[in-house]
Amino acid sequence: MAFLQEKLVFLCLLVLCMNSVLASSRNRRYTSPSVPRLTDVFPHVSITNVFSKAFGGSNVQVTGNGSMATLALDKISGSGLASVNKYHYGFFSAAIKLPPGDSSGVVVAFYLSNADVFPHNHDEIDIELLGHDERNEWVIQTNVYANGSVNTGREEKFYLWFDPTTQHHQYTIIWNNHHTVFLVDNIPVREFQHSSTFYPSKPMSVYATIWDGSEWATHGGKYPVNYKNAPFTVSFAEMEMSGCISNPSASPSSCSKTPSSLDPVEGPEFVKLTNQQASAMDWARRKLMFYSYCKDTSRFKVMPPECR
């Protein structure tokens, strides 16, 4: 009997140890690399001045003299903001704090698109923070569409290395004629090089939204939105939009640049990643990326040129 009790105690301790290891693995609390803080260089803009309500009515609230917007998803509607101007390249960033708790199926997006003007051949650059169930990790999806290729998006997915619900974290898109870079807290997680055959090249609006993505967002739609937990509220702050404001009355390449000490469109600092940034991106991709379209042979029988 004593032997049996000792064995049971040992098994219980083993299970507790395994659970501890799994919890540690699932939380992924890594120490991130040191990188230049590009978001400290560009000015914050007033949300009131540069955005208008795209949908959601009273689910959109702007506070702090235009410094912060809260967007809500409830059973009736999601909500979103759209930029007043369209941009042809630039630096776009938002500090985002996600809804706490179980947010399965909820999608929070910060992205550029021109689908309103080019419904059949639009461009799009996406940062999507996918709904979270408490059994799994937080996921960010990045995506690129060019010239209406909505069936051949270039998705890549990463685990976040922090809890995005406890405070604001910065999510950034750099888009110019050289490359498109996705950054989280100033760490590049993905670089999409300019390709003559596939690259977003037409002026786009900037959007901040929250909506119901139950069909696909959390484990391929396994966990839909549970509206018992509604409303789901996301906070956007420290908005930065510097680059080329498209002038529809001029040629497509004409633009007026928003003021900052750096030029994200043609500045030498934005032509390619620095060695420090490239090293940080390698860290993110090795430790945190778990899906890339470049390795998805079920979708692409012939790999896109940029994957080779």
C-alpha atoms as a PDB file:
ATOM      1  CA  MET A   1       0.000   0.000   0.000  1.00  0.00           C
ATOM      2  CA  ALA A   2       2.824   2.414   0.891  1.00  0.00           C
ATOM      3  CA  PHE A   3       4.471   1.677  -2.463  1.00  0.00           C
ATOM      4  CA  LEU A   4       1.226   2.373  -4.299  1.00  0.00           C
ATOM      5  CA  GLN A   5       0.785   5.700  -2.487  1.00  0.00           C
ATOM      6  CA  GLU A   6       4.342   6.724  -3.334  1.00  0.00           C
ATOM      7  CA  LYS A   7       3.733   5.829  -6.992  1.00  0.00           C
ATOM      8  CA  LEU A   8       0.538   7.892  -7.062  1.00  0.00           C
ATOM      9  CA  VAL A   9       2.345  10.872  -5.530  1.00  0.00           C
ATOM     10  CA  PHE A  10       5.101  10.542  -8.140  1.00  0.00           C
ATOM     11  CA  LEU A  11       2.585  10.409 -10.991  1.00  0.00           C
ATOM     12  CA  CYS A  12       0.756  13.472  -9.667  1.00  0.00           C
ATOM     13  CA  LEU A  13       4.017  15.418  -9.444  1.00  0.00           C
ATOM     14  CA  LEU A  14       4.904  14.315 -12.977  1.00  0.00           C
ATOM     15  CA  VAL A  15       1.566  15.545 -14.327  1.00  0.00           C
ATOM     16  CA  LEU A  16       1.954  18.880 -12.530  1.00  0.00           C
ATOM     17  CA  CYS A  17       5.445  19.269 -13.953  1.00  0.00           C
ATOM     18  CA  MET A  18       4.242  18.497 -17.472  1.00  0.00           C
ATOM     19  CA  ASN A  19       1.392  20.986 -17.151  1.00  0.00           C
ATOM     20  CA  SER A  20       3.864  23.614 -15.993  1.00  0.00           C
ATOM     21  CA  VAL A  21       6.111  22.991 -19.006  1.00  0.00           C
ATOM     22  CA  LEU A  22       3.149  23.109 -21.402  1.00  0.00           C
ATOM     23  CA  ALA A  23       1.853  26.345 -19.874  1.00  0.00           C
ATOM     24  CA  SER A  24       5.294  27.883 -20.175  1.00  0.00           C
ATOM     25  CA  SER A  25       5.524  26.763 -23.790  1.00  0.00           C
ATOM     26  CA  ARG A  26       2.057  28.049 -24.613  1.00  0.00           C
ATOM     27  CA  ASN A  27       2.694  31.478 -23.103  1.00  0.00           C
ATOM     28  CA  ARG A  28       5.896  32.040 -25.110  1.00  0.00           C
ATOM     29  CA  ARG A  29       7.230  34.846 -22.949  1.00  0.00           C
ATOM     30  CA  TYR A  30      10.417  35.521 -24.901  1.00  0.00           C
ATOM     31  CA  THR A  31      12.805  38.389 -24.403  1.00  0.00           C
ATOM     32  CA  SER A  32      12.670  40.232 -27.719  1.00  0.00           C
ATOM     33  CA  PRO A  33      15.759  41.550 -29.522  1.00  0.00           C
ATOM     34  CA  SER A  34      16.815  45.177 -29.355  1.00  0.00           C
ATOM     35  CA  VAL A  35      15.874  47.198 -32.460  1.00  0.00           C
ATOM     36  CA  PRO A  36      15.595  50.877 -33.491  1.00  0.00           C
ATOM     37  CA  ARG A  37      12.288  52.321 -32.317  1.00  0.00           C
ATOM     38  CA  LEU A  38      10.946  53.719 -35.581  1.00  0.00           C
ATOM     39  CA  THR A  39       7.630  54.568 -33.937  1.00  0.00           C
ATOM     40  CA  ASP A  40       9.455  57.161 -31.804  1.00  0.00           C
ATOM     41  CA  VAL A  41      10.491  59.056 -34.938  1.00  0.00           C
ATOM     42  CA  PHE A  42       7.158  59.653 -36.658  1.00  0.00           C
ATOM     43  CA  PRO A  43       4.516  62.020 -35.248  1.00  0.00           C
ATOM     44  CA  HIS A  44       1.209  60.879 -33.807  1.00  0.00           C
ATOM     45  CA  VAL A  45      -1.847  62.063 -35.704  1.00  0.00           C
ATOM     46  CA  SER A  46      -5.252  63.063 -34.424  1.00  0.00           C
ATOM     47  CA  ILE A  47      -7.713  60.272 -35.147  1.00  0.00           C
ATOM     48  CA  THR A  48     -10.452  62.887 -35.435  1.00  0.00           C
ATOM     49  CA  ASN A  49      -8.548  64.695 -38.195  1.00  0.00           C
ATOM     50  CA  VAL A  50      -7.374  61.781 -40.330  1.00  0.00           C
ATOM     51  CA  PHE A  51     -10.113  59.141 -39.900  1.00  0.00           C
ATOM     52  CA  SER A  52     -13.864  58.949 -40.345  1.00  0.00           C
ATOM     53  CA  LYS A  53     -16.320  56.287 -39.190  1.00  0.00           C
ATOM     54  CA  ALA A  54     -16.520  53.507 -41.762  1.00  0.00           C
ATOM     55  CA  PHE A  55     -19.233  51.465 -40.030  1.00  0.00           C
ATOM     56  CA  GLY A  56     -20.584  50.661 -36.573  1.00  0.00           C
ATOM     57  CA  GLY A  57     -22.107  54.004 -35.568  1.00  0.00           C
ATOM     58  CA  SER A  58     -22.048  54.333 -31.773  1.00  0.00           C
ATOM     59  CA  ASN A  59     -19.682  51.345 -31.509  1.00  0.00           C
ATOM     60  CA  VAL A  60     -16.938  53.810 -32.482  1.00  0.00           C
ATOM     61  CA  GLN A  61     -15.851  56.206 -29.719  1.00  0.00           C
ATOM     62  CA  VAL A  62     -13.006  58.713 -30.083  1.00  0.00           C
ATOM     63  CA  THR A  63     -11.621  60.200 -26.859  1.00  0.00           C
ATOM     64  CA  GLY A  64      -8.644  62.173 -25.542  1.00  0.00           C
ATOM     65  CA  ASN A  65      -8.963  64.973 -28.100  1.00  0.00           C
ATOM     66  CA  GLY A  66      -8.536  62.479 -30.903  1.00  0.00           C
ATOM     67  CA  SER A  67      -5.666  60.536 -29.363  1.00  0.00           C
ATOM     68  CA  MET A  68      -7.568  57.260 -28.854  1.00  0.00           C
ATOM     69  CA  ALA A  69     -10.408  55.330 -30.444  1.00  0.00           C
ATOM     70  CA  THR A  70     -12.316  52.400 -28.981  1.00  0.00           C
ATOM     71  CA  LEU A  71     -14.087  50.092 -31.404  1.00  0.00           C
ATOM     72  CA  ALA A  72     -16.654  47.531 -30.280  1.00  0.00           C
ATOM     73  CA  LEU A  73     -18.175  44.347 -31.662  1.00  0.00           C
ATOM     74  CA  ASP A  74     -21.580  43.309 -30.356  1.00  0.00           C
ATOM     75  CA  LYS A  75     -24.329  41.046 -31.644  1.00  0.00           C
ATOM     76  CA  ILE A  76     -25.647  43.830 -33.879  1.00  0.00           C
ATOM     77  CA  SER A  77     -22.484  45.105 -35.524  1.00  0.00           C
ATOM     78  CA  GLY A  78     -18.738  45.401 -35.625  1.00  0.00           C
ATOM     79  CA  SER A  79     -17.130  48.784 -36.181  1.00  0.00           C
ATOM     80  CA  GLY A  80     -14.356  50.514 -38.037  1.00  0.00           C
ATOM     81  CA  LEU A  81     -12.481  53.629 -39.075  1.00  0.00           C
ATOM     82  CA  ALA A  82     -11.295  54.591 -42.562  1.00  0.00           C
ATOM     83  CA  SER A  83      -8.698  57.226 -43.357  1.00  0.00           C
ATOM     84  CA  VAL A  84      -9.896  60.457 -44.935  1.00  0.00           C
ATOM     85  CA  ASN A  85      -7.012  60.354 -47.433  1.00  0.00           C
ATOM     86  CA  LYS A  86      -5.568  57.638 -49.607  1.00  0.00           C
ATOM     87  CA  TYR A  87      -1.841  56.957 -49.456  1.00  0.00           C
ATOM     88  CA  HIS A  88       0.645  55.847 -52.074  1.00  0.00           C
ATOM     89  CA  TYR A  89       3.414  54.410 -49.890  1.00  0.00           C
ATOM     90  CA  GLY A  90       4.345  55.379 -46.344  1.00  0.00           C
ATOM     91  CA  PHE A  91       4.705  54.433 -42.669  1.00  0.00           C
ATOM     92  CA  PHE A  92       1.508  53.392 -40.868  1.00  0.00           C
ATOM     93  CA  SER A  93       1.361  52.404 -37.218  1.00  0.00           C
ATOM     94  CA  ALA A  94      -1.109  51.960 -34.367  1.00  0.00           C
ATOM     95  CA  ALA A  95      -0.770  51.023 -30.715  1.00  0.00           C
ATOM     96  CA  ILE A  96      -3.494  48.433 -30.123  1.00  0.00           C
ATOM     97  CA  LYS A  97      -4.877  46.864 -26.947  1.00  0.00           C
ATOM     98  CA  LEU A  98      -7.003  43.794 -27.648  1.00  0.00           C
ATOM     99  CA  PRO A  99     -10.197  42.633 -25.916  1.00  0.00           C
ATOM    100  CA  PRO A 100      -9.469  40.535 -22.791  1.00  0.00           C
ATOM    101  CA  GLY A 101     -10.769  37.043 -22.094  1.00  0.00           C
ATOM    102  CA  ASP A 102     -12.257  34.627 -24.599  1.00  0.00           C
ATOM    103  CA  SER A 103     -12.479  36.426 -27.944  1.00  0.00           C
ATOM    104  CA  SER A 104     -12.717  33.415 -30.251  1.00  0.00           C
ATOM    105  CA  GLY A 105     -13.768  34.399 -33.755  1.00  0.00           C
ATOM    106  CA  VAL A 106     -13.141  38.117 -33.202  1.00  0.00           C
ATOM    107  CA  VAL A 107     -10.835  39.787 -35.738  1.00  0.00           C
ATOM    108  CA  VAL A 108      -9.083  43.078 -35.064  1.00  0.00           C
ATOM    109  CA  ALA A 109      -7.495  44.485 -38.214  1.00  0.00           C
ATOM    110  CA  PHE A 110      -5.164  47.352 -39.083  1.00  0.00           C
ATOM    111  CA  TYR A 111      -4.683  47.402 -42.820  1.00  0.00           C
ATOM    112  CA  LEU A 112      -4.515  49.230 -46.149  1.00  0.00           C
ATOM    113  CA  SER A 113      -6.922  48.564 -49.019  1.00  0.00           C
ATOM    114  CA  ASN A 114      -8.396  50.108 -52.155  1.00  0.00           C
ATOM    115  CA  ALA A 115     -11.296  47.669 -52.587  1.00  0.00           C
ATOM    116  CA  ASP A 116     -13.715  50.605 -52.478  1.00  0.00           C
ATOM    117  CA  VAL A 117     -12.225  51.996 -55.705  1.00  0.00           C
ATOM    118  CA  PHE A 118     -11.038  48.780 -57.374  1.00  0.00           C
ATOM    119  CA  PRO A 119     -13.569  46.097 -56.356  1.00  0.00           C
ATOM    120  CA  HIS A 120     -12.332  43.601 -58.952  1.00  0.00           C
ATOM    121  CA  ASN A 121      -8.590  44.216 -58.863  1.00  0.00           C
ATOM    122  CA  HIS A 122      -7.860  45.713 -55.480  1.00  0.00           C
ATOM    123  CA  ASP A 123      -4.638  45.763 -53.444  1.00  0.00           C
ATOM    124  CA  GLU A 124      -4.429  45.097 -49.719  1.00  0.00           C
ATOM    125  CA  ILE A 125      -1.831  44.878 -46.935  1.00  0.00           C
ATOM    126  CA  ASP A 126      -3.184  43.304 -43.750  1.00  0.00           C
ATOM    127  CA  ILE A 127      -2.340  43.014 -40.101  1.00  0.00           C
ATOM    128  CA  GLU A 128      -5.035  40.846 -38.513  1.00  0.00           C
ATOM    129  CA  LEU A 129      -5.071  39.895 -34.835  1.00  0.00           C
ATOM    130  CA  LEU A 130      -7.085  36.716 -34.677  1.00  0.00           C
ATOM    131  CA  GLY A 131      -9.629  35.830 -32.031  1.00  0.00           C
ATOM    132  CA  HIS A 132      -8.252  34.082 -28.987  1.00  0.00           C
ATOM    133  CA  ASP A 133      -9.542  31.177 -26.955  1.00  0.00           C
ATOM    134  CA  GLU A 134      -7.865  30.671 -23.612  1.00  0.00           C
ATOM    135  CA  ARG A 135      -6.583  27.190 -24.520  1.00  0.00           C
ATOM    136  CA  ASN A 136      -4.266  28.550 -27.189  1.00  0.00           C
ATOM    137  CA  GLU A 137      -1.852  31.327 -28.034  1.00  0.00           C
ATOM    138  CA  TRP A 138      -2.415  34.760 -29.506  1.00  0.00           C
ATOM    139  CA  VAL A 139      -1.938  34.863 -33.276  1.00  0.00           C
ATOM    140  CA  ILE A 140      -1.149  37.652 -35.733  1.00  0.00           C
ATOM    141  CA  GLN A 141      -1.757  37.074 -39.434  1.00  0.00           C
ATOM    142  CA  THR A 142      -0.072  39.174 -42.118  1.00  0.00           C
ATOM    143  CA  ASN A 143      -1.256  39.158 -45.701  1.00  0.00           C
ATOM    144  CA  VAL A 144      -0.648  40.823 -49.058  1.00  0.00           C
ATOM    145  CA  TYR A 145      -3.004  41.034 -52.034  1.00  0.00           C
ATOM    146  CA  ALA A 146      -2.125  42.615 -55.361  1.00  0.00           C
ATOM    147  CA  ASN A 147      -4.337  43.490 -58.312  1.00  0.00           C
ATOM    148  CA  GLY A 148      -7.362  41.547 -57.117  1.00  0.00           C
ATOM    149  CA  SER A 149      -5.698  38.224 -56.354  1.00  0.00           C
ATOM    150  CA  VAL A 150      -8.035  37.498 -53.440  1.00  0.00           C
ATOM    151  CA  ASN A 151      -7.791  33.737 -53.980  1.00  0.00           C
ATOM    152  CA  THR A 152      -4.009  33.770 -53.773  1.00  0.00           C
ATOM    153  CA  GLY A 153      -3.239  35.799 -50.678  1.00  0.00           C
ATOM    154  CA  ARG A 154       0.254  35.642 -49.242  1.00  0.00           C
ATOM    155  CA  GLU A 155      -0.554  34.810 -45.613  1.00  0.00           C
ATOM    156  CA  GLU A 156       1.966  34.264 -42.849  1.00  0.00           C
ATOM    157  CA  LYS A 157       0.999  33.628 -39.217  1.00  0.00           C
ATOM    158  CA  PHE A 158       2.953  34.181 -36.028  1.00  0.00           C
ATOM    159  CA  TYR A 159       2.462  33.637 -32.318  1.00  0.00           C
ATOM    160  CA  LEU A 160       2.805  36.775 -30.212  1.00  0.00           C
ATOM    161  CA  TRP A 161       5.429  36.726 -27.459  1.00  0.00           C
ATOM    162  CA  PHE A 162       3.346  38.818 -25.031  1.00  0.00           C
ATOM    163  CA  ASP A 163      -0.211  39.190 -23.781  1.00  0.00           C
ATOM    164  CA  PRO A 164      -1.744  41.821 -26.120  1.00  0.00           C
ATOM    165  CA  THR A 165      -4.680  42.536 -23.775  1.00  0.00           C
ATOM    166  CA  THR A 166      -2.843  44.047 -20.804  1.00  0.00           C
ATOM    167  CA  GLN A 167      -1.422  47.124 -22.523  1.00  0.00           C
ATOM    168  CA  HIS A 168      -1.032  48.739 -25.945  1.00  0.00           C
ATOM    169  CA  HIS A 169       1.480  47.231 -28.377  1.00  0.00           C
ATOM    170  CA  GLN A 170       2.597  48.766 -31.663  1.00  0.00           C
ATOM    171  CA  TYR A 171       1.729  47.207 -35.021  1.00  0.00           C
ATOM    172  CA  THR A 172       3.325  48.801 -38.063  1.00  0.00           C
ATOM    173  CA  ILE A 173       3.333  48.591 -41.857  1.00  0.00           C
ATOM    174  CA  ILE A 174       6.090  50.098 -43.992  1.00  0.00           C
ATOM    175  CA  TRP A 175       5.071  50.165 -47.654  1.00  0.00           C
ATOM    176  CA  ASN A 176       7.194  51.679 -50.388  1.00  0.00           C
ATOM    177  CA  ASN A 177       8.522  50.884 -53.848  1.00  0.00           C
ATOM    178  CA  HIS A 178      11.252  48.662 -52.397  1.00  0.00           C
ATOM    179  CA  HIS A 179       9.415  46.391 -49.984  1.00  0.00           C
ATOM    180  CA  THR A 180       6.566  45.973 -47.516  1.00  0.00           C
ATOM    181  CA  VAL A 181       7.581  45.314 -43.905  1.00  0.00           C
ATOM    182  CA  PHE A 182       5.348  44.191 -41.030  1.00  0.00           C
ATOM    183  CA  LEU A 183       6.570  45.088 -37.526  1.00  0.00           C
ATOM    184  CA  VAL A 184       5.355  44.309 -34.009  1.00  0.00           C
ATOM    185  CA  ASP A 185       6.732  46.578 -31.283  1.00  0.00           C
ATOM    186  CA  ASN A 186       9.260  47.753 -33.913  1.00  0.00           C
ATOM    187  CA  ILE A 187      10.522  44.205 -34.536  1.00  0.00           C
ATOM    188  CA  PRO A 188      10.216  43.223 -38.207  1.00  0.00           C
ATOM    189  CA  VAL A 189       8.408  39.894 -38.466  1.00  0.00           C
ATOM    190  CA  ARG A 190       8.054  39.836 -42.238  1.00  0.00           C
ATOM    191  CA  GLU A 191       9.513  41.518 -45.302  1.00  0.00           C
ATOM    192  CA  PHE A 192       7.758  41.248 -48.661  1.00  0.00           C
ATOM    193  CA  GLN A 193      10.066  42.354 -51.469  1.00  0.00           C
ATOM    194  CA  HIS A 194       8.770  44.309 -54.443  1.00  0.00           C
ATOM    195  CA  SER A 195       8.023  41.966 -57.315  1.00  0.00           C
ATOM    196  CA  SER A 196       7.069  43.188 -60.765  1.00  0.00           C
ATOM    197  CA  THR A 197       4.500  40.386 -60.986  1.00  0.00           C
ATOM    198  CA  PHE A 198       2.888  40.654 -57.538  1.00  0.00           C
ATOM    199  CA  TYR A 199       3.017  43.842 -55.492  1.00  0.00           C
ATOM    200  CA  PRO A 200       0.381  46.304 -54.209  1.00  0.00           C
ATOM    201  CA  SER A 201       0.967  49.450 -56.217  1.00  0.00           C
ATOM    202  CA  LYS A 202      -2.208  51.562 -56.239  1.00  0.00           C
ATOM    203  CA  PRO A 203      -3.103  54.201 -53.604  1.00  0.00           C
ATOM    204  CA  MET A 204      -4.895  52.778 -50.562  1.00  0.00           C
ATOM    205  CA  SER A 205      -6.891  53.903 -47.561  1.00  0.00           C
ATOM    206  CA  VAL A 206      -5.946  52.935 -44.001  1.00  0.00           C
ATOM    207  CA  TYR A 207      -8.482  51.013 -41.918  1.00  0.00           C
ATOM    208  CA  ALA A 208      -8.866  50.056 -38.252  1.00  0.00           C
ATOM    209  CA  THR A 209     -11.667  47.554 -37.615  1.00  0.00           C
ATOM    210  CA  ILE A 210     -13.145  44.883 -35.361  1.00  0.00           C
ATOM    211  CA  TRP A 211     -15.543  42.299 -36.803  1.00  0.00           C
ATOM    212  CA  ASP A 212     -16.928  38.764 -36.617  1.00  0.00           C
ATOM    213  CA  GLY A 213     -14.625  36.271 -38.333  1.00  0.00           C
ATOM    214  CA  SER A 214     -16.254  33.166 -36.853  1.00  0.00           C
ATOM    215  CA  GLU A 215     -16.031  31.202 -40.108  1.00  0.00           C
ATOM    216  CA  TRP A 216     -12.232  31.150 -40.163  1.00  0.00           C
ATOM    217  CA  ALA A 217     -10.438  33.257 -37.548  1.00  0.00           C
ATOM    218  CA  THR A 218      -9.863  30.856 -34.629  1.00  0.00           C
ATOM    219  CA  HIS A 219      -8.585  27.407 -35.615  1.00  0.00           C
ATOM    220  CA  GLY A 220     -10.255  27.533 -39.007  1.00  0.00           C
ATOM    221  CA  GLY A 221     -13.658  28.387 -37.555  1.00  0.00           C
ATOM    222  CA  LYS A 222     -13.631  25.739 -34.834  1.00  0.00           C
ATOM    223  CA  TYR A 223     -14.344  28.362 -32.174  1.00  0.00           C
ATOM    224  CA  PRO A 224     -16.927  31.018 -33.246  1.00  0.00           C
ATOM    225  CA  VAL A 225     -17.700  34.275 -31.461  1.00  0.00           C
ATOM    226  CA  ASN A 226     -19.498  33.751 -28.153  1.00  0.00           C
ATOM    227  CA  TYR A 227     -21.702  36.806 -27.812  1.00  0.00           C
ATOM    228  CA  LYS A 228     -22.273  36.065 -24.135  1.00  0.00           C
ATOM    229  CA  ASN A 229     -18.875  37.760 -23.723  1.00  0.00           C
ATOM    230  CA  ALA A 230     -19.851  40.820 -25.799  1.00  0.00           C
ATOM    231  CA  PRO A 231     -19.217  43.624 -26.263  1.00  0.00           C
ATOM    232  CA  PHE A 232     -15.645  43.036 -27.414  1.00  0.00           C
ATOM    233  CA  THR A 233     -13.748  46.307 -27.262  1.00  0.00           C
ATOM    234  CA  VAL A 234     -10.383  47.161 -28.825  1.00  0.00           C
ATOM    235  CA  SER A 235      -8.416  50.349 -28.238  1.00  0.00           C
ATOM    236  CA  PHE A 236      -6.358  52.136 -30.920  1.00  0.00           C
ATOM    237  CA  ALA A 237      -3.909  54.861 -29.914  1.00  0.00           C
ATOM    238  CA  GLU A 238      -0.634  56.515 -31.019  1.00  0.00           C
ATOM    239  CA  MET A 239      -1.684  56.488 -34.666  1.00  0.00           C
ATOM    240  CA  GLU A 240       1.130  57.353 -37.081  1.00  0.00           C
ATOM    241  CA  MET A 241       0.621  57.925 -40.815  1.00  0.00           C
ATOM    242  CA  SER A 242       3.558  59.441 -42.664  1.00  0.00           C
ATOM    243  CA  GLY A 243       4.180  59.206 -46.367  1.00  0.00           C
ATOM    244  CA  CYS A 244       2.501  60.131 -49.610  1.00  0.00           C
ATOM    245  CA  ILE A 245      -1.037  61.440 -49.600  1.00  0.00           C
ATOM    246  CA  SER A 246      -2.433  60.580 -53.001  1.00  0.00           C
ATOM    247  CA  ASN A 247      -3.685  63.459 -55.109  1.00  0.00           C
ATOM    248  CA  PRO A 248      -6.458  62.149 -57.381  1.00  0.00           C
ATOM    249  CA  SER A 249      -6.264  65.182 -59.668  1.00  0.00           C
ATOM    250  CA  ALA A 250      -2.576  64.569 -60.434  1.00  0.00           C
ATOM    251  CA  SER A 251      -0.676  61.652 -61.905  1.00  0.00           C
ATOM    252  CA  PRO A 252      -0.671  58.437 -59.813  1.00  0.00           C
ATOM    253  CA  SER A 253       2.910  59.021 -58.701  1.00  0.00           C
ATOM    254  CA  SER A 254       2.250  62.516 -57.366  1.00  0.00           C
ATOM    255  CA  CYS A 255       1.836  62.966 -53.647  1.00  0.00           C
ATOM    256  CA  SER A 256       2.417  65.374 -50.804  1.00  0.00           C
ATOM    257  CA  LYS A 257       4.539  63.964 -47.996  1.00  0.00           C
ATOM    258  CA  THR A 258       3.470  64.280 -44.395  1.00  0.00           C
ATOM    259  CA  PRO A 259       6.141  65.894 -42.225  1.00  0.00           C
ATOM    260  CA  SER A 260       8.647  63.823 -40.254  1.00  0.00           C
ATOM    261  CA  SER A 261      12.389  63.710 -39.801  1.00  0.00           C
ATOM    262  CA  LEU A 262      12.627  60.544 -41.925  1.00  0.00           C
ATOM    263  CA  ASP A 263      11.254  59.705 -45.346  1.00  0.00           C
ATOM    264  CA  PRO A 264       9.661  56.228 -45.349  1.00  0.00           C
ATOM    265  CA  VAL A 265       9.037  56.360 -49.083  1.00  0.00           C
ATOM    266  CA  GLU A 266      12.430  57.185 -50.575  1.00  0.00           C
ATOM    267  CA  GLY A 267      14.686  57.596 -47.537  1.00  0.00           C
ATOM    268  CA  PRO A 268      17.817  55.407 -47.550  1.00  0.00           C
ATOM    269  CA  GLU A 269      16.877  54.056 -44.111  1.00  0.00           C
ATOM    270  CA  PHE A 270      13.796  52.413 -45.636  1.00  0.00           C
ATOM    271  CA  VAL A 271      15.234  50.853 -48.787  1.00  0.00           C
ATOM    272  CA  LYS A 272      16.229  47.701 -46.914  1.00  0.00           C
ATOM    273  CA  LEU A 273      16.426  46.381 -43.367  1.00  0.00           C
ATOM    274  CA  THR A 274      19.496  47.133 -41.288  1.00  0.00           C
ATOM    275  CA  ASN A 275      21.588  44.206 -40.058  1.00  0.00           C
ATOM    276  CA  GLN A 276      20.057  44.661 -36.601  1.00  0.00           C
ATOM    277  CA  GLN A 277      16.527  44.601 -38.017  1.00  0.00           C
ATOM    278  CA  ALA A 278      17.284  41.585 -40.216  1.00  0.00           C
ATOM    279  CA  SER A 279      18.663  39.704 -37.218  1.00  0.00           C
ATOM    280  CA  ALA A 280      15.540  40.534 -35.197  1.00  0.00           C
ATOM    281  CA  MET A 281      13.319  39.368 -38.039  1.00  0.00           C
ATOM    282  CA  ASP A 282      15.232  36.091 -38.203  1.00  0.00           C
ATOM    283  CA  TRP A 283      14.569  35.654 -34.462  1.00  0.00           C
ATOM    284  CA  ALA A 284      10.826  36.244 -34.940  1.00  0.00           C
ATOM    285  CA  ARG A 285      10.524  33.898 -37.878  1.00  0.00           C
ATOM    286  CA  ARG A 286      12.489  31.078 -36.255  1.00  0.00           C
ATOM    287  CA  LYS A 287      10.709  31.205 -32.918  1.00  0.00           C
ATOM    288  CA  LEU A 288       7.225  32.493 -33.695  1.00  0.00           C
ATOM    289  CA  MET A 289       6.155  31.852 -37.294  1.00  0.00           C
ATOM    290  CA  PHE A 290       4.025  28.716 -37.651  1.00  0.00           C
ATOM    291  CA  TYR A 291       2.468  29.170 -41.099  1.00  0.00           C
ATOM    292  CA  SER A 292       3.772  30.511 -44.405  1.00  0.00           C
ATOM    293  CA  TYR A 293       2.080  30.264 -47.767  1.00  0.00           C
ATOM    294  CA  CYS A 294       5.519  29.525 -49.212  1.00  0.00           C
ATOM    295  CA  LYS A 295       5.386  26.096 -47.578  1.00  0.00           C
ATOM    296  CA  ASP A 296       1.742  25.345 -48.328  1.00  0.00           C
ATOM    297  CA  THR A 297       1.896  22.931 -51.256  1.00  0.00           C
ATOM    298  CA  SER A 298      -1.815  22.181 -50.974  1.00  0.00           C
ATOM    299  CA  ARG A 299      -2.582  25.757 -52.066  1.00  0.00           C
ATOM    300  CA  PHE A 300       0.321  26.383 -54.388  1.00  0.00           C
ATOM    301  CA  LYS A 301       1.288  23.520 -56.675  1.00  0.00           C
ATOM    302  CA  VAL A 302       3.964  25.837 -58.056  1.00  0.00           C
ATOM    303  CA  MET A 303       5.505  28.114 -55.473  1.00  0.00           C
ATOM    304  CA  PRO A 304       5.159  31.884 -56.135  1.00  0.00           C
ATOM    305  CA  PRO A 305       8.368  33.443 -57.476  1.00  0.00           C
ATOM    306  CA  GLU A 306       9.128  35.354 -54.246  1.00  0.00           C
ATOM    307  CA  CYS A 307       9.247  32.065 -52.312  1.00  0.00           C
ATOM    308  CA  ARG A 308      12.165  30.666 -54.283  1.00  0.00           C
END
